[in-house]
C-alpha atoms as a PDB file:
ATOM      1  CA  MET A   1       0.000   0.000   0.000  1.00  0.00           C
ATOM      2  CA  ASP A   2       2.946   2.310   0.512  1.00  0.00           C
ATOM      3  CA  ASP A   3       3.743   2.079  -3.201  1.00  0.00           C
ATOM      4  CA  ILE A   4       0.355   3.656  -3.950  1.00  0.00           C
ATOM      5  CA  LYS A   5       1.093   6.526  -1.596  1.00  0.00           C
ATOM      6  CA  LEU A   6       4.534   7.018  -3.148  1.00  0.00           C
ATOM      7  CA  LEU A   7       3.069   7.091  -6.660  1.00  0.00           C
ATOM      8  CA  ILE A   8       0.523   9.764  -5.747  1.00  0.00           C
ATOM      9  CA  LYS A   9       2.668  11.868  -3.351  1.00  0.00           C
ATOM     10  CA  GLY A  10       3.483  15.166  -5.034  1.00  0.00           C
ATOM     11  CA  GLN A  11       1.228  14.256  -7.974  1.00  0.00           C
ATOM     12  CA  GLU A  12      -2.134  15.034  -6.380  1.00  0.00           C
ATOM     13  CA  LYS A  13      -2.883  17.787  -8.935  1.00  0.00           C
ATOM     14  CA  ASN A  14      -2.405  15.268 -11.750  1.00  0.00           C
ATOM     15  CA  SER A  15      -4.298  12.481  -9.990  1.00  0.00           C
ATOM     16  CA  PHE A  16      -7.938  11.834 -10.789  1.00  0.00           C
ATOM     17  CA  VAL A  17     -10.535   9.438  -9.476  1.00  0.00           C
ATOM     18  CA  ILE A  18     -12.574   7.968 -12.321  1.00  0.00           C
ATOM     19  CA  HIS A  19     -15.727   5.892 -12.348  1.00  0.00           C
ATOM     20  CA  TYR A  20     -18.095   4.964 -15.151  1.00  0.00           C
ATOM     21  CA  SER A  21     -21.388   3.230 -15.766  1.00  0.00           C
ATOM     22  CA  CYS A  22     -22.586   1.208 -18.716  1.00  0.00           C
ATOM     23  CA  ASN A  23     -25.341  -1.217 -19.613  1.00  0.00           C
ATOM     24  CA  GLY A  24     -23.125  -4.281 -20.015  1.00  0.00           C
ATOM     25  CA  PHE A  25     -22.501  -5.763 -16.568  1.00  0.00           C
ATOM     26  CA  TYR A  26     -25.803  -7.464 -15.881  1.00  0.00           C
ATOM     27  CA  GLY A  27     -27.477  -7.457 -19.276  1.00  0.00           C
ATOM     28  CA  GLY A  28     -25.671 -10.414 -20.823  1.00  0.00           C
ATOM     29  CA  GLY A  29     -22.291  -8.741 -21.154  1.00  0.00           C
ATOM     30  CA  SER A  30     -20.714  -7.072 -24.123  1.00  0.00           C
ATOM     31  CA  VAL A  31     -17.187  -6.164 -25.147  1.00  0.00           C
ATOM     32  CA  ALA A  32     -18.479  -2.682 -25.996  1.00  0.00           C
ATOM     33  CA  PRO A  33     -21.480  -1.869 -23.803  1.00  0.00           C
ATOM     34  CA  THR A  34     -23.246   1.471 -24.097  1.00  0.00           C
ATOM     35  CA  VAL A  35     -21.471   4.020 -21.917  1.00  0.00           C
ATOM     36  CA  CYS A  36     -24.010   5.872 -19.797  1.00  0.00           C
ATOM     37  CA  ALA A  37     -21.716   8.073 -17.695  1.00  0.00           C
ATOM     38  CA  ILE A  38     -18.038   8.767 -17.022  1.00  0.00           C
ATOM     39  CA  THR A  39     -17.113  10.948 -14.066  1.00  0.00           C
ATOM     40  CA  ILE A  40     -13.655  12.212 -13.199  1.00  0.00           C
ATOM     41  CA  VAL A  41     -12.769  14.226 -10.102  1.00  0.00           C
ATOM     42  CA  ASN A  42      -9.407  15.778  -9.318  1.00  0.00           C
ATOM     43  CA  LEU A  43      -7.899  14.276  -6.187  1.00  0.00           C
ATOM     44  CA  LYS A  44      -6.536  17.598  -4.909  1.00  0.00           C
ATOM     45  CA  THR A  45      -8.965  20.257  -6.133  1.00  0.00           C
ATOM     46  CA  ASN A  46     -12.195  18.198  -6.111  1.00  0.00           C
ATOM     47  CA  GLU A  47     -12.972  19.610  -9.594  1.00  0.00           C
ATOM     48  CA  LEU A  48     -15.580  17.340 -11.180  1.00  0.00           C
ATOM     49  CA  HIS A  49     -15.886  16.495 -14.876  1.00  0.00           C
ATOM     50  CA  SER A  50     -19.005  14.580 -15.829  1.00  0.00           C
ATOM     51  CA  PHE A  51     -19.821  13.075 -19.210  1.00  0.00           C
ATOM     52  CA  SER A  52     -23.275  11.510 -19.309  1.00  0.00           C
ATOM     53  CA  LEU A  53     -26.051  10.557 -21.683  1.00  0.00           C
ATOM     54  CA  GLN A  54     -28.408  12.680 -19.604  1.00  0.00           C
ATOM     55  CA  ASP A  55     -26.496  15.884 -20.396  1.00  0.00           C
ATOM     56  CA  TYR A  56     -26.827  15.381 -24.145  1.00  0.00           C
ATOM     57  CA  ILE A  57     -30.319  13.894 -24.226  1.00  0.00           C
ATOM     58  CA  ILE A  58     -31.734  16.993 -22.499  1.00  0.00           C
ATOM     59  CA  GLN A  59     -30.175  18.954 -25.381  1.00  0.00           C
ATOM     60  CA  GLY A  60     -32.416  16.995 -27.758  1.00  0.00           C
ATOM     61  CA  LYS A  61     -29.966  14.343 -28.971  1.00  0.00           C
ATOM     62  CA  CYS A  62     -31.087  10.764 -29.531  1.00  0.00           C
ATOM     63  CA  LEU A  63     -29.376   7.994 -27.536  1.00  0.00           C
ATOM     64  CA  ILE A  64     -26.756   7.210 -30.191  1.00  0.00           C
ATOM     65  CA  GLU A  65     -25.875  10.848 -30.816  1.00  0.00           C
ATOM     66  CA  ALA A  66     -25.783  11.497 -27.061  1.00  0.00           C
ATOM     67  CA  GLU A  67     -23.330   8.634 -26.520  1.00  0.00           C
ATOM     68  CA  LYS A  68     -21.153   9.763 -29.429  1.00  0.00           C
ATOM     69  CA  GLN A  69     -20.960  13.286 -27.995  1.00  0.00           C
ATOM     70  CA  LEU A  70     -20.246  11.922 -24.507  1.00  0.00           C
ATOM     71  CA  LEU A  71     -17.292   9.959 -25.890  1.00  0.00           C
ATOM     72  CA  VAL A  72     -15.993  12.856 -28.021  1.00  0.00           C
ATOM     73  CA  ASP A  73     -16.078  15.203 -25.043  1.00  0.00           C
ATOM     74  CA  PHE A  74     -14.403  12.606 -22.812  1.00  0.00           C
ATOM     75  CA  ILE A  75     -11.655  11.980 -25.395  1.00  0.00           C
ATOM     76  CA  ASN A  76     -11.023  15.721 -25.757  1.00  0.00           C
ATOM     77  CA  PHE A  77     -10.769  16.112 -21.987  1.00  0.00           C
ATOM     78  CA  PHE A  78      -8.551  13.050 -21.628  1.00  0.00           C
ATOM     79  CA  ASN A  79      -6.211  14.095 -24.455  1.00  0.00           C
ATOM     80  CA  ASN A  80      -5.606  17.456 -22.742  1.00  0.00           C
ATOM     81  CA  LEU A  81      -4.376  15.880 -19.506  1.00  0.00           C
ATOM     82  CA  LYS A  82      -0.622  15.844 -18.876  1.00  0.00           C
ATOM     83  CA  ASN A  83       0.630  12.532 -17.458  1.00  0.00           C
ATOM     84  CA  PRO A  84      -2.442  11.831 -15.343  1.00  0.00           C
ATOM     85  CA  ILE A  85      -2.779   9.118 -12.748  1.00  0.00           C
ATOM     86  CA  PHE A  86      -6.243   7.552 -12.767  1.00  0.00           C
ATOM     87  CA  ILE A  87      -7.446   5.998  -9.523  1.00  0.00           C
ATOM     88  CA  HIS A  88     -10.379   3.681 -10.116  1.00  0.00           C
ATOM     89  CA  TRP A  89     -12.399   0.807  -8.777  1.00  0.00           C
ATOM     90  CA  ASN A  90     -11.919  -2.387 -10.798  1.00  0.00           C
ATOM     91  CA  MET A  91     -11.761  -0.874 -14.295  1.00  0.00           C
ATOM     92  CA  THR A  92      -9.045  -3.158 -15.701  1.00  0.00           C
ATOM     93  CA  GLY A  93     -11.114  -6.166 -16.786  1.00  0.00           C
ATOM     94  CA  LEU A  94     -11.305  -7.599 -20.275  1.00  0.00           C
ATOM     95  CA  GLU A  95     -14.945  -6.637 -20.847  1.00  0.00           C
ATOM     96  CA  TYR A  96     -15.405  -3.563 -18.668  1.00  0.00           C
ATOM     97  CA  GLY A  97     -13.631  -0.434 -17.568  1.00  0.00           C
ATOM     98  CA  PHE A  98     -10.939   1.144 -19.696  1.00  0.00           C
ATOM     99  CA  LYS A  99     -11.078  -1.596 -22.367  1.00  0.00           C
ATOM    100  CA  ALA A 100     -14.854  -1.298 -22.668  1.00  0.00           C
ATOM    101  CA  ILE A 101     -14.675   2.493 -23.031  1.00  0.00           C
ATOM    102  CA  ARG A 102     -11.954   2.085 -25.670  1.00  0.00           C
ATOM    103  CA  ALA A 103     -13.985  -0.582 -27.508  1.00  0.00           C
ATOM    104  CA  ARG A 104     -17.067   1.624 -27.505  1.00  0.00           C
ATOM    105  CA  CYS A 105     -15.031   4.502 -28.942  1.00  0.00           C
ATOM    106  CA  GLU A 106     -13.730   2.224 -31.682  1.00  0.00           C
ATOM    107  CA  ASN A 107     -17.319   1.171 -32.493  1.00  0.00           C
ATOM    108  CA  TYR A 108     -17.949   4.813 -33.368  1.00  0.00           C
ATOM    109  CA  GLY A 109     -14.664   5.159 -35.269  1.00  0.00           C
ATOM    110  CA  PHE A 110     -12.831   7.166 -32.605  1.00  0.00           C
ATOM    111  CA  TYR A 111      -9.208   6.050 -32.554  1.00  0.00           C
ATOM    112  CA  ASP A 112      -7.443   9.259 -31.510  1.00  0.00           C
ATOM    113  CA  PHE A 113      -6.674   8.345 -27.906  1.00  0.00           C
ATOM    114  CA  SER A 114      -5.249   5.472 -25.902  1.00  0.00           C
ATOM    115  CA  PHE A 115      -5.139   4.299 -22.316  1.00  0.00           C
ATOM    116  CA  ASN A 116      -1.982   2.261 -23.012  1.00  0.00           C
ATOM    117  CA  ASP A 117       0.499   4.562 -21.255  1.00  0.00           C
ATOM    118  CA  LEU A 118      -1.919   5.664 -18.560  1.00  0.00           C
ATOM    119  CA  LYS A 119      -0.777   5.242 -14.952  1.00  0.00           C
ATOM    120  CA  THR A 120      -3.627   3.640 -13.044  1.00  0.00           C
ATOM    121  CA  ILE A 121      -4.260   2.548  -9.495  1.00  0.00           C
ATOM    122  CA  ASP A 122      -6.960  -0.058  -8.974  1.00  0.00           C
ATOM    123  CA  PHE A 123      -8.202   0.784  -5.491  1.00  0.00           C
ATOM    124  CA  ASN A 124     -10.196  -2.446  -5.485  1.00  0.00           C
ATOM    125  CA  LEU A 125      -6.878  -4.232  -4.871  1.00  0.00           C
ATOM    126  CA  VAL A 126      -6.279  -2.338  -1.634  1.00  0.00           C
ATOM    127  CA  THR A 127      -9.160  -3.943   0.253  1.00  0.00           C
ATOM    128  CA  SER A 128     -11.433  -6.954   0.148  1.00  0.00           C
ATOM    129  CA  ARG A 129     -14.432  -4.744   0.897  1.00  0.00           C
ATOM    130  CA  SER A 130     -16.912  -3.668  -1.775  1.00  0.00           C
ATOM    131  CA  LEU A 131     -17.062  -0.102  -3.011  1.00  0.00           C
ATOM    132  CA  ILE A 132     -20.585   0.325  -1.620  1.00  0.00           C
ATOM    133  CA  TRP A 133     -19.422  -0.940   1.800  1.00  0.00           C
ATOM    134  CA  LEU A 134     -16.485   1.482   1.839  1.00  0.00           C
ATOM    135  CA  LEU A 135     -18.659   4.428   0.907  1.00  0.00           C
ATOM    136  CA  LYS A 136     -21.107   3.640   3.691  1.00  0.00           C
ATOM    137  CA  GLU A 137     -18.415   2.848   6.269  1.00  0.00           C
ATOM    138  CA  TYR A 138     -16.543   6.094   5.670  1.00  0.00           C
ATOM    139  CA  TYR A 139     -19.582   8.362   5.391  1.00  0.00           C
ATOM    140  CA  CYS A 140     -19.367   8.819   1.648  1.00  0.00           C
ATOM    141  CA  ASP A 141     -22.759   7.327   1.004  1.00  0.00           C
ATOM    142  CA  SER A 142     -25.340   9.361  -0.780  1.00  0.00           C
ATOM    143  CA  LEU A 143     -28.967   8.779  -1.588  1.00  0.00           C
ATOM    144  CA  ASP A 144     -27.868   8.885  -5.231  1.00  0.00           C
ATOM    145  CA  ILE A 145     -25.599   5.806  -5.010  1.00  0.00           C
ATOM    146  CA  LEU A 146     -27.067   2.783  -6.757  1.00  0.00           C
ATOM    147  CA  THR A 147     -25.766  -0.755  -7.129  1.00  0.00           C
ATOM    148  CA  GLY A 148     -24.773  -1.882 -10.605  1.00  0.00           C
ATOM    149  CA  LYS A 149     -28.034  -3.784 -10.986  1.00  0.00           C
ATOM    150  CA  GLU A 150     -30.005  -0.717  -9.936  1.00  0.00           C
ATOM    151  CA  GLU A 151     -28.091   1.389 -12.468  1.00  0.00           C
ATOM    152  CA  LEU A 152     -28.934  -1.114 -15.201  1.00  0.00           C
ATOM    153  CA  SER A 153     -32.593  -1.007 -14.227  1.00  0.00           C
ATOM    154  CA  CYS A 154     -32.525   2.802 -14.431  1.00  0.00           C
ATOM    155  CA  PHE A 155     -30.768   2.611 -17.805  1.00  0.00           C
ATOM    156  CA  GLU A 156     -33.436   0.254 -19.136  1.00  0.00           C
ATOM    157  CA  LYS A 157     -36.146   2.651 -17.902  1.00  0.00           C
ATOM    158  CA  ARG A 158     -34.288   5.530 -19.606  1.00  0.00           C
ATOM    159  CA  ASN A 159     -33.652   7.167 -16.256  1.00  0.00           C
ATOM    160  CA  TYR A 160     -30.185   8.278 -17.340  1.00  0.00           C
ATOM    161  CA  ASN A 161     -30.113  11.051 -14.751  1.00  0.00           C
ATOM    162  CA  ALA A 162     -30.227   8.509 -11.889  1.00  0.00           C
ATOM    163  CA  VAL A 163     -27.247   6.689 -13.440  1.00  0.00           C
ATOM    164  CA  LYS A 164     -25.363   9.971 -13.848  1.00  0.00           C
ATOM    165  CA  LEU A 165     -26.001  10.968 -10.221  1.00  0.00           C
ATOM    166  CA  SER A 166     -24.950   7.517  -8.978  1.00  0.00           C
ATOM    167  CA  THR A 167     -21.727   7.595 -11.000  1.00  0.00           C
ATOM    168  CA  GLU A 168     -20.906  11.070  -9.713  1.00  0.00           C
ATOM    169  CA  ALA A 169     -21.651  10.086  -6.101  1.00  0.00           C
ATOM    170  CA  LYS A 170     -19.462   6.973  -6.310  1.00  0.00           C
ATOM    171  CA  THR A 171     -16.608   9.007  -7.811  1.00  0.00           C
ATOM    172  CA  LYS A 172     -16.828  11.695  -5.122  1.00  0.00           C
ATOM    173  CA  GLY A 173     -17.059   9.044  -2.414  1.00  0.00           C
ATOM    174  CA  LEU A 174     -14.073   7.108  -3.728  1.00  0.00           C
ATOM    175  CA  ARG A 175     -12.099  10.372  -3.795  1.00  0.00           C
ATOM    176  CA  LYS A 176     -12.883  10.847  -0.105  1.00  0.00           C
ATOM    177  CA  VAL A 177     -11.810   7.268   0.701  1.00  0.00           C
ATOM    178  CA  VAL A 178      -8.541   7.702  -1.241  1.00  0.00           C
ATOM    179  CA  ASN A 179      -7.768  10.960   0.567  1.00  0.00           C
ATOM    180  CA  LEU A 180      -8.448   9.324   3.953  1.00  0.00           C
ATOM    181  CA  PHE A 181      -6.133   6.487   2.916  1.00  0.00           C
ATOM    182  CA  LEU A 182      -3.372   8.912   1.894  1.00  0.00           C
ATOM    183  CA  LYS A 183      -3.640  10.660   5.291  1.00  0.00           C
ATOM    184  CA  ASP A 184      -3.480   7.310   7.157  1.00  0.00           C
ATOM    185  CA  GLU A 185      -6.946   7.960   8.552  1.00  0.00           C
ATOM    186  CA  ILE A 186      -8.412   4.723   7.284  1.00  0.00           C
ATOM    187  CA  ASP A 187      -7.800   1.066   8.114  1.00  0.00           C
ATOM    188  CA  PHE A 188      -8.918  -1.372   5.477  1.00  0.00           C
ATOM    189  CA  GLY A 189      -8.292  -4.467   7.540  1.00  0.00           C
ATOM    190  CA  ILE A 190      -8.074  -7.360   5.094  1.00  0.00           C
ATOM    191  CA  VAL A 191      -5.726  -6.682   2.196  1.00  0.00           C
ATOM    192  CA  TYR A 192      -5.481  -8.617  -1.042  1.00  0.00           C
ATOM    193  CA  GLU A 193      -2.248 -10.409  -1.825  1.00  0.00           C
ATOM    194  CA  GLU A 194      -0.873  -9.626  -5.273  1.00  0.00           C
END
């Protein structure tokens, strides 16, 4: 765990907590599920950047156009970052996380960015607890936080705003947990072996 602290120390301004939501986890799986929301918050400044279907649909875009714009805006934001460190919760799988976002971009013909050289910290590897448990235990819970299954249900009901709010709440909560961890104000108990 000290290696995580060493990686972030002095780099807090370039460190971001990221979380995303899609429709692929519980709906049969997909290599490129529809991205519903991506939220990024700066570890030091707490500046939030949210990219969600909801934001574009309320502008009158259809679902496909809304997702395309979400991805374009995310890519533009990402490409303007200088050597960022992304802290996330379990986004390194084969069919979800960074690879799923990349696959979805490629489905739309967007090839002008890459996560290949991105420094990432999978905070899921720090503890055996679930993200929802951590957020509740360390007072980061919010009425907006939904489980993955609840987010999928909202997605299917076209309640994209609920998914957006849940993604934002999880990102803000994880930022708080990471900051508590960096200040040695948190004890995770059981730690995964790598």
